[in-house]
Amino acid sequence: MRRVVFNQKGGVGKSTIACNLAAISAARGRRTLLVDLDPQANASRYLLGQALEEQKKTLAHFFDDILAYKVFGAKPVDYVVPTRFPNLGVLPSDPRLEDLQVKLESRYKMYKLREALDTLKDFDEIFIDTPPALNFFTRSALISADACLIPFDCDDFSRRALYTLMDSVREIQSDHNRSLRVEGIVVNHYQARANLPVRMVEELRAEGLPVLDAFLSASVKIRESHAQALPMIHLDPRHKLSREFEALYDLLAA
């Protein structure tokens, strides 16, 4: 199963959700890969910590090889970096992805990621983190994925962006990947005692949008998780947010 975590709006928790679901998958004994297509490399740093600085092979090098038409270049599996967590690997990002985007798009290389992931047969689950824009890398991710998770922050800006986002996913489905499905909207930073989040979720459901039943609470603990490069299940498995991530994973796995 390949899941892309996608939203054109920044700050909604894409990297956090992708990494925590990947960490839970690996902790459950599933061979898991996190693909980080965001040049900011937040997901890579979250799972690798300072070890990210030591990497000599990143997704930028992978796409460099594609542009150079290297017949005998490294295989996709050679770019996978093991983490300190059993069963969990990363295809790490690199700031140079930003510079490569125009060249890759002009040469119509959007299917190369899917071809690469098709060769990685040893992984049971693949989670793909994306930049906050509909660009070459997010299109490549949507073309490569079986399912799409859409993080939703409970505010009006996120809601307005949601409709455009759904149209973008439908366009990719129609033109490039008919098997892609929207697995659901993940409500993030949820505050059950606040009127606005509760009302927004009710309105989205009334409109027939696929809001998932597992909500992720707002918590300062997640900042500590980022700072220590430890997904919640490893930082504090008994924390409320850790249990919510596990509930989300179980819902998706059911």
C-alpha atoms as a PDB file:
ATOM      1  CA  MET A   1       0.000   0.000   0.000  1.00  0.00           C
ATOM      2  CA  ARG A   2       1.272   3.450  -0.950  1.00  0.00           C
ATOM      3  CA  ARG A   3      -0.257   6.451   0.770  1.00  0.00           C
ATOM      4  CA  VAL A   4       0.472  10.058  -0.112  1.00  0.00           C
ATOM      5  CA  VAL A   5      -0.159  12.731   2.522  1.00  0.00           C
ATOM      6  CA  PHE A   6      -1.097  15.817   0.559  1.00  0.00           C
ATOM      7  CA  ASN A   7      -2.410  19.317   1.084  1.00  0.00           C
ATOM      8  CA  GLN A   8      -1.514  22.431  -0.881  1.00  0.00           C
ATOM      9  CA  LYS A   9      -1.689  24.465   2.322  1.00  0.00           C
ATOM     10  CA  GLY A  10       1.329  24.566   4.607  1.00  0.00           C
ATOM     11  CA  GLY A  11       1.290  24.028   8.355  1.00  0.00           C
ATOM     12  CA  VAL A  12      -1.452  21.393   8.425  1.00  0.00           C
ATOM     13  CA  GLY A  13       0.776  18.563   9.674  1.00  0.00           C
ATOM     14  CA  LYS A  14       1.624  16.572   6.536  1.00  0.00           C
ATOM     15  CA  SER A  15       5.130  15.581   7.624  1.00  0.00           C
ATOM     16  CA  THR A  16       4.065  14.879  11.203  1.00  0.00           C
ATOM     17  CA  ILE A  17       1.213  12.630  10.111  1.00  0.00           C
ATOM     18  CA  ALA A  18       3.258  10.783   7.478  1.00  0.00           C
ATOM     19  CA  CYS A  19       6.147  10.119   9.862  1.00  0.00           C
ATOM     20  CA  ASN A  20       4.025   9.031  12.817  1.00  0.00           C
ATOM     21  CA  LEU A  21       1.941   6.649  10.715  1.00  0.00           C
ATOM     22  CA  ALA A  22       5.126   5.230   9.189  1.00  0.00           C
ATOM     23  CA  ALA A  23       6.648   4.774  12.662  1.00  0.00           C
ATOM     24  CA  ILE A  24       3.552   2.916  13.886  1.00  0.00           C
ATOM     25  CA  SER A  25       3.520   0.716  10.792  1.00  0.00           C
ATOM     26  CA  ALA A  26       7.163  -0.219  11.379  1.00  0.00           C
ATOM     27  CA  ALA A  27       6.577  -0.802  15.100  1.00  0.00           C
ATOM     28  CA  ARG A  28       3.812  -3.244  14.156  1.00  0.00           C
ATOM     29  CA  GLY A  29       6.343  -5.293  12.208  1.00  0.00           C
ATOM     30  CA  ARG A  30       5.527  -3.963   8.736  1.00  0.00           C
ATOM     31  CA  ARG A  31       8.458  -3.188   6.476  1.00  0.00           C
ATOM     32  CA  THR A  32       7.872   0.520   5.941  1.00  0.00           C
ATOM     33  CA  LEU A  33       9.327   3.293   3.798  1.00  0.00           C
ATOM     34  CA  LEU A  34       8.895   7.058   4.124  1.00  0.00           C
ATOM     35  CA  VAL A  35       9.467   8.996   0.883  1.00  0.00           C
ATOM     36  CA  ASP A  36      10.197  12.679   1.493  1.00  0.00           C
ATOM     37  CA  LEU A  37       9.503  14.827  -1.582  1.00  0.00           C
ATOM     38  CA  ASP A  38       9.504  18.161   0.248  1.00  0.00           C
ATOM     39  CA  PRO A  39      12.737  20.161  -0.310  1.00  0.00           C
ATOM     40  CA  GLN A  40      12.431  21.416   3.281  1.00  0.00           C
ATOM     41  CA  ALA A  41      13.251  17.822   4.359  1.00  0.00           C
ATOM     42  CA  ASN A  42      11.285  18.046   7.607  1.00  0.00           C
ATOM     43  CA  ALA A  43      10.143  14.421   7.428  1.00  0.00           C
ATOM     44  CA  SER A  44      13.695  13.241   6.729  1.00  0.00           C
ATOM     45  CA  ARG A  45      15.024  15.172   9.706  1.00  0.00           C
ATOM     46  CA  TYR A  46      12.193  13.919  11.925  1.00  0.00           C
ATOM     47  CA  LEU A  47      13.108  10.268  11.298  1.00  0.00           C
ATOM     48  CA  LEU A  48      16.873  10.550  10.772  1.00  0.00           C
ATOM     49  CA  GLY A  49      17.817  13.400  13.105  1.00  0.00           C
ATOM     50  CA  GLN A  50      21.395  14.594  12.662  1.00  0.00           C
ATOM     51  CA  ALA A  51      22.128  11.534  10.523  1.00  0.00           C
ATOM     52  CA  LEU A  52      20.419  13.365   7.646  1.00  0.00           C
ATOM     53  CA  GLU A  53      23.483  15.618   7.311  1.00  0.00           C
ATOM     54  CA  GLU A  54      25.661  12.565   6.612  1.00  0.00           C
ATOM     55  CA  GLN A  55      23.639  11.241   3.667  1.00  0.00           C
ATOM     56  CA  LYS A  56      25.442  11.084   0.357  1.00  0.00           C
ATOM     57  CA  LYS A  57      22.482   9.667  -1.549  1.00  0.00           C
ATOM     58  CA  THR A  58      19.180  11.523  -1.474  1.00  0.00           C
ATOM     59  CA  LEU A  59      16.198  11.903  -3.782  1.00  0.00           C
ATOM     60  CA  ALA A  60      18.039  14.792  -5.425  1.00  0.00           C
ATOM     61  CA  HIS A  61      20.788  12.362  -6.442  1.00  0.00           C
ATOM     62  CA  PHE A  62      18.145   9.923  -7.661  1.00  0.00           C
ATOM     63  CA  PHE A  63      16.568  12.555  -9.912  1.00  0.00           C
ATOM     64  CA  ASP A  64      20.035  13.727 -11.017  1.00  0.00           C
ATOM     65  CA  ASP A  65      20.681  10.216 -12.312  1.00  0.00           C
ATOM     66  CA  ILE A  66      17.358  10.244 -14.159  1.00  0.00           C
ATOM     67  CA  LEU A  67      18.197  13.531 -15.875  1.00  0.00           C
ATOM     68  CA  ALA A  68      21.647  12.207 -16.780  1.00  0.00           C
ATOM     69  CA  TYR A  69      20.109   9.065 -18.347  1.00  0.00           C
ATOM     70  CA  LYS A  70      22.497   6.830 -16.397  1.00  0.00           C
ATOM     71  CA  VAL A  71      21.899   3.335 -17.741  1.00  0.00           C
ATOM     72  CA  PHE A  72      23.951   1.710 -15.005  1.00  0.00           C
ATOM     73  CA  GLY A  73      23.147   4.147 -12.209  1.00  0.00           C
ATOM     74  CA  ALA A  74      22.200   3.146  -8.680  1.00  0.00           C
ATOM     75  CA  LYS A  75      18.966   1.230  -8.162  1.00  0.00           C
ATOM     76  CA  PRO A  76      16.122   2.899  -6.203  1.00  0.00           C
ATOM     77  CA  VAL A  77      16.771   0.629  -3.224  1.00  0.00           C
ATOM     78  CA  ASP A  78      20.317   2.019  -3.014  1.00  0.00           C
ATOM     79  CA  TYR A  79      18.912   5.404  -2.006  1.00  0.00           C
ATOM     80  CA  VAL A  80      16.936   4.026   0.944  1.00  0.00           C
ATOM     81  CA  VAL A  81      18.447   5.048   4.292  1.00  0.00           C
ATOM     82  CA  PRO A  82      17.705   2.860   7.335  1.00  0.00           C
ATOM     83  CA  THR A  83      16.567   4.685  10.468  1.00  0.00           C
ATOM     84  CA  ARG A  84      17.319   3.767  14.075  1.00  0.00           C
ATOM     85  CA  PHE A  85      13.809   2.306  14.243  1.00  0.00           C
ATOM     86  CA  PRO A  86      13.479  -1.339  13.127  1.00  0.00           C
ATOM     87  CA  ASN A  87      11.629  -1.934   9.835  1.00  0.00           C
ATOM     88  CA  LEU A  88      11.654   1.764   8.906  1.00  0.00           C
ATOM     89  CA  GLY A  89      13.601   3.299   6.016  1.00  0.00           C
ATOM     90  CA  VAL A  90      13.627   6.730   4.384  1.00  0.00           C
ATOM     91  CA  LEU A  91      14.149   8.022   0.878  1.00  0.00           C
ATOM     92  CA  PRO A  92      15.491  11.352   2.156  1.00  0.00           C
ATOM     93  CA  SER A  93      14.851  14.772   0.712  1.00  0.00           C
ATOM     94  CA  ASP A  94      17.395  17.413  -0.241  1.00  0.00           C
ATOM     95  CA  PRO A  95      17.050  21.214  -0.730  1.00  0.00           C
ATOM     96  CA  ARG A  96      18.357  20.726  -4.270  1.00  0.00           C
ATOM     97  CA  LEU A  97      14.999  19.212  -5.248  1.00  0.00           C
ATOM     98  CA  GLU A  98      13.747  22.773  -5.620  1.00  0.00           C
ATOM     99  CA  ASP A  99      16.301  23.478  -8.362  1.00  0.00           C
ATOM    100  CA  LEU A 100      15.642  20.191 -10.164  1.00  0.00           C
ATOM    101  CA  GLN A 101      11.905  20.678 -10.424  1.00  0.00           C
ATOM    102  CA  VAL A 102      11.848  22.745 -13.643  1.00  0.00           C
ATOM    103  CA  LYS A 103      14.185  20.353 -15.481  1.00  0.00           C
ATOM    104  CA  LEU A 104      12.211  17.296 -14.405  1.00  0.00           C
ATOM    105  CA  GLU A 105       8.905  18.842 -15.384  1.00  0.00           C
ATOM    106  CA  SER A 106      10.139  20.057 -18.759  1.00  0.00           C
ATOM    107  CA  ARG A 107      11.293  16.528 -19.587  1.00  0.00           C
ATOM    108  CA  TYR A 108       8.009  15.037 -18.367  1.00  0.00           C
ATOM    109  CA  LYS A 109       9.524  12.749 -15.729  1.00  0.00           C
ATOM    110  CA  MET A 110       6.390  12.563 -13.544  1.00  0.00           C
ATOM    111  CA  TYR A 111       6.146   8.782 -13.873  1.00  0.00           C
ATOM    112  CA  LYS A 112       9.708   8.059 -12.763  1.00  0.00           C
ATOM    113  CA  LEU A 113       8.855   7.979  -9.066  1.00  0.00           C
ATOM    114  CA  ARG A 114       6.117   5.410  -9.655  1.00  0.00           C
ATOM    115  CA  GLU A 115       8.517   3.290 -11.699  1.00  0.00           C
ATOM    116  CA  ALA A 116      11.070   3.489  -8.883  1.00  0.00           C
ATOM    117  CA  LEU A 117       8.574   2.547  -6.171  1.00  0.00           C
ATOM    118  CA  ASP A 118       7.369  -0.368  -8.294  1.00  0.00           C
ATOM    119  CA  THR A 119      10.820  -1.920  -7.865  1.00  0.00           C
ATOM    120  CA  LEU A 120      10.757  -1.684  -4.042  1.00  0.00           C
ATOM    121  CA  LYS A 121       8.922  -4.967  -3.516  1.00  0.00           C
ATOM    122  CA  ASP A 122      10.360  -5.569  -0.036  1.00  0.00           C
ATOM    123  CA  PHE A 123       8.251  -2.842   1.588  1.00  0.00           C
ATOM    124  CA  ASP A 124       4.774  -3.596   2.906  1.00  0.00           C
ATOM    125  CA  GLU A 125       3.797   0.048   3.290  1.00  0.00           C
ATOM    126  CA  ILE A 126       5.044   3.272   1.747  1.00  0.00           C
ATOM    127  CA  PHE A 127       4.125   6.748   3.016  1.00  0.00           C
ATOM    128  CA  ILE A 128       4.882   9.751   0.804  1.00  0.00           C
ATOM    129  CA  ASP A 129       5.288  13.243   2.240  1.00  0.00           C
ATOM    130  CA  THR A 130       4.766  16.159  -0.141  1.00  0.00           C
ATOM    131  CA  PRO A 131       5.524  19.879  -0.329  1.00  0.00           C
ATOM    132  CA  PRO A 132       2.725  22.413   0.283  1.00  0.00           C
ATOM    133  CA  ALA A 133       2.074  23.067  -3.407  1.00  0.00           C
ATOM    134  CA  LEU A 134       0.642  21.329  -6.448  1.00  0.00           C
ATOM    135  CA  ASN A 135       3.910  20.972  -8.342  1.00  0.00           C
ATOM    136  CA  PHE A 136       5.974  18.310 -10.086  1.00  0.00           C
ATOM    137  CA  PHE A 137       6.717  16.428  -6.877  1.00  0.00           C
ATOM    138  CA  THR A 138       3.153  16.352  -5.552  1.00  0.00           C
ATOM    139  CA  ARG A 139       1.861  15.245  -8.954  1.00  0.00           C
ATOM    140  CA  SER A 140       4.527  12.523  -9.047  1.00  0.00           C
ATOM    141  CA  ALA A 141       3.422  11.386  -5.583  1.00  0.00           C
ATOM    142  CA  LEU A 142      -0.266  11.287  -6.515  1.00  0.00           C
ATOM    143  CA  ILE A 143       0.545   9.360  -9.686  1.00  0.00           C
ATOM    144  CA  SER A 144       2.553   6.863  -7.599  1.00  0.00           C
ATOM    145  CA  ALA A 145       0.050   6.311  -4.769  1.00  0.00           C
ATOM    146  CA  ASP A 146      -2.850   3.976  -4.127  1.00  0.00           C
ATOM    147  CA  ALA A 147      -4.496   6.290  -1.613  1.00  0.00           C
ATOM    148  CA  CYS A 148      -4.417   9.926  -0.549  1.00  0.00           C
ATOM    149  CA  LEU A 149      -4.726  11.263   3.000  1.00  0.00           C
ATOM    150  CA  ILE A 150      -5.648  14.927   3.325  1.00  0.00           C
ATOM    151  CA  PRO A 151      -4.687  16.661   6.591  1.00  0.00           C
ATOM    152  CA  PHE A 152      -7.173  19.332   7.621  1.00  0.00           C
ATOM    153  CA  ASP A 153      -6.441  22.070  10.133  1.00  0.00           C
ATOM    154  CA  CYS A 154      -9.642  23.379  11.683  1.00  0.00           C
ATOM    155  CA  ASP A 155      -9.739  26.898  10.277  1.00  0.00           C
ATOM    156  CA  ASP A 156     -11.448  28.714   7.447  1.00  0.00           C
ATOM    157  CA  PHE A 157      -8.316  28.990   5.298  1.00  0.00           C
ATOM    158  CA  SER A 158      -7.870  25.221   5.398  1.00  0.00           C
ATOM    159  CA  ARG A 159     -11.505  24.714   4.508  1.00  0.00           C
ATOM    160  CA  ARG A 160     -11.300  27.000   1.475  1.00  0.00           C
ATOM    161  CA  ALA A 161      -8.160  25.221   0.278  1.00  0.00           C
ATOM    162  CA  LEU A 162      -9.861  21.848   0.685  1.00  0.00           C
ATOM    163  CA  TYR A 163     -12.213  22.278  -2.271  1.00  0.00           C
ATOM    164  CA  THR A 164      -9.403  23.216  -4.671  1.00  0.00           C
ATOM    165  CA  LEU A 165      -7.363  20.310  -3.350  1.00  0.00           C
ATOM    166  CA  MET A 166     -10.155  17.799  -3.994  1.00  0.00           C
ATOM    167  CA  ASP A 167     -10.442  19.079  -7.572  1.00  0.00           C
ATOM    168  CA  SER A 168      -6.693  18.623  -8.034  1.00  0.00           C
ATOM    169  CA  VAL A 169      -6.841  15.033  -6.808  1.00  0.00           C
ATOM    170  CA  ARG A 170      -9.784  14.279  -9.104  1.00  0.00           C
ATOM    171  CA  GLU A 171      -7.814  15.672 -12.045  1.00  0.00           C
ATOM    172  CA  ILE A 172      -4.876  13.377 -11.303  1.00  0.00           C
ATOM    173  CA  GLN A 173      -7.298  10.457 -10.979  1.00  0.00           C
ATOM    174  CA  SER A 174      -8.844  11.220 -14.345  1.00  0.00           C
ATOM    175  CA  ASP A 175      -5.677  11.926 -16.308  1.00  0.00           C
ATOM    176  CA  HIS A 176      -2.904   9.868 -14.699  1.00  0.00           C
ATOM    177  CA  ASN A 177      -3.908   7.401 -11.976  1.00  0.00           C
ATOM    178  CA  ARG A 178      -7.404   5.931 -12.109  1.00  0.00           C
ATOM    179  CA  SER A 179      -6.680   3.635  -9.148  1.00  0.00           C
ATOM    180  CA  LEU A 180      -5.946   6.561  -6.811  1.00  0.00           C
ATOM    181  CA  ARG A 181      -8.583   7.046  -4.122  1.00  0.00           C
ATOM    182  CA  VAL A 182      -9.083   9.635  -1.428  1.00  0.00           C
ATOM    183  CA  GLU A 183      -8.806   7.559   1.727  1.00  0.00           C
ATOM    184  CA  GLY A 184     -10.033  10.353   3.911  1.00  0.00           C
ATOM    185  CA  ILE A 185      -9.587  13.756   5.504  1.00  0.00           C
ATOM    186  CA  VAL A 186      -7.493  13.689   8.682  1.00  0.00           C
ATOM    187  CA  VAL A 187      -8.667  16.312  11.162  1.00  0.00           C
ATOM    188  CA  ASN A 188      -5.545  17.661  12.855  1.00  0.00           C
ATOM    189  CA  HIS A 189      -5.051  20.068  15.793  1.00  0.00           C
ATOM    190  CA  TYR A 190      -8.573  19.205  16.909  1.00  0.00           C
ATOM    191  CA  GLN A 191     -10.022  20.818  20.034  1.00  0.00           C
ATOM    192  CA  ALA A 192     -13.176  19.001  21.091  1.00  0.00           C
ATOM    193  CA  ARG A 193     -14.217  21.736  23.525  1.00  0.00           C
ATOM    194  CA  ALA A 194     -13.988  24.557  20.973  1.00  0.00           C
ATOM    195  CA  ASN A 195     -17.043  25.449  18.926  1.00  0.00           C
ATOM    196  CA  LEU A 196     -15.311  26.202  15.604  1.00  0.00           C
ATOM    197  CA  PRO A 197     -13.576  22.823  15.054  1.00  0.00           C
ATOM    198  CA  VAL A 198     -16.713  20.883  16.032  1.00  0.00           C
ATOM    199  CA  ARG A 199     -18.887  22.967  13.709  1.00  0.00           C
ATOM    200  CA  MET A 200     -16.437  22.708  10.806  1.00  0.00           C
ATOM    201  CA  VAL A 201     -16.226  18.927  11.043  1.00  0.00           C
ATOM    202  CA  GLU A 202     -20.014  18.666  11.145  1.00  0.00           C
ATOM    203  CA  GLU A 203     -20.333  20.896   8.067  1.00  0.00           C
ATOM    204  CA  LEU A 204     -17.713  18.928   6.091  1.00  0.00           C
ATOM    205  CA  ARG A 205     -19.547  15.699   6.858  1.00  0.00           C
ATOM    206  CA  ALA A 206     -22.875  17.274   5.901  1.00  0.00           C
ATOM    207  CA  GLU A 207     -21.358  18.085   2.512  1.00  0.00           C
ATOM    208  CA  GLY A 208     -20.477  14.409   2.040  1.00  0.00           C
ATOM    209  CA  LEU A 209     -16.704  14.834   2.382  1.00  0.00           C
ATOM    210  CA  PRO A 210     -14.823  11.752   3.676  1.00  0.00           C
ATOM    211  CA  VAL A 211     -13.833  12.936   7.152  1.00  0.00           C
ATOM    212  CA  LEU A 212     -12.142  10.116   9.064  1.00  0.00           C
ATOM    213  CA  ASP A 213     -13.397   9.287  12.547  1.00  0.00           C
ATOM    214  CA  ALA A 214      -9.950   9.349  14.177  1.00  0.00           C
ATOM    215  CA  PHE A 215      -9.046  12.939  15.144  1.00  0.00           C
ATOM    216  CA  LEU A 216      -5.600  14.242  16.149  1.00  0.00           C
ATOM    217  CA  SER A 217      -5.573  16.628  19.094  1.00  0.00           C
ATOM    218  CA  ALA A 218      -3.611  19.835  19.393  1.00  0.00           C
ATOM    219  CA  SER A 219      -0.650  19.222  21.715  1.00  0.00           C
ATOM    220  CA  VAL A 220       2.664  20.923  22.518  1.00  0.00           C
ATOM    221  CA  LYS A 221       4.095  17.399  22.945  1.00  0.00           C
ATOM    222  CA  ILE A 222       4.451  17.122  19.186  1.00  0.00           C
ATOM    223  CA  ARG A 223       7.033  19.924  19.234  1.00  0.00           C
ATOM    224  CA  GLU A 224       9.123  17.910  21.663  1.00  0.00           C
ATOM    225  CA  SER A 225       8.720  14.941  19.335  1.00  0.00           C
ATOM    226  CA  HIS A 226      10.089  17.002  16.431  1.00  0.00           C
ATOM    227  CA  ALA A 227      12.961  18.396  18.497  1.00  0.00           C
ATOM    228  CA  GLN A 228      14.103  14.942  19.628  1.00  0.00           C
ATOM    229  CA  ALA A 229      13.518  13.318  16.220  1.00  0.00           C
ATOM    230  CA  LEU A 230      11.306  10.746  17.922  1.00  0.00           C
ATOM    231  CA  PRO A 231       7.832   9.937  16.581  1.00  0.00           C
ATOM    232  CA  MET A 232       5.214   9.951  19.320  1.00  0.00           C
ATOM    233  CA  ILE A 233       5.036   6.167  19.657  1.00  0.00           C
ATOM    234  CA  HIS A 234       8.735   6.181  20.603  1.00  0.00           C
ATOM    235  CA  LEU A 235       8.746   9.401  22.617  1.00  0.00           C
ATOM    236  CA  ASP A 236       5.722   8.703  24.792  1.00  0.00           C
ATOM    237  CA  PRO A 237       3.562   5.734  23.748  1.00  0.00           C
ATOM    238  CA  ARG A 238       1.019   6.408  26.512  1.00  0.00           C
ATOM    239  CA  HIS A 239       0.377  10.004  25.516  1.00  0.00           C
ATOM    240  CA  LYS A 240      -3.103  10.856  24.238  1.00  0.00           C
ATOM    241  CA  LEU A 241      -1.723  11.930  20.848  1.00  0.00           C
ATOM    242  CA  SER A 242       0.220   8.674  20.487  1.00  0.00           C
ATOM    243  CA  ARG A 243      -2.997   6.736  21.030  1.00  0.00           C
ATOM    244  CA  GLU A 244      -4.775   8.937  18.503  1.00  0.00           C
ATOM    245  CA  PHE A 245      -2.124   8.239  15.879  1.00  0.00           C
ATOM    246  CA  GLU A 246      -2.501   4.524  16.573  1.00  0.00           C
ATOM    247  CA  ALA A 247      -6.284   4.817  16.263  1.00  0.00           C
ATOM    248  CA  LEU A 248      -5.830   6.537  12.905  1.00  0.00           C
ATOM    249  CA  TYR A 249      -3.449   3.826  11.710  1.00  0.00           C
ATOM    250  CA  ASP A 250      -5.836   1.083  12.849  1.00  0.00           C
ATOM    251  CA  LEU A 251      -8.702   2.794  11.015  1.00  0.00           C
ATOM    252  CA  LEU A 252      -6.695   2.886   7.800  1.00  0.00           C
ATOM    253  CA  ALA A 253      -5.523  -0.707   8.206  1.00  0.00           C
ATOM    254  CA  ALA A 254      -9.015  -2.084   8.868  1.00  0.00           C
END
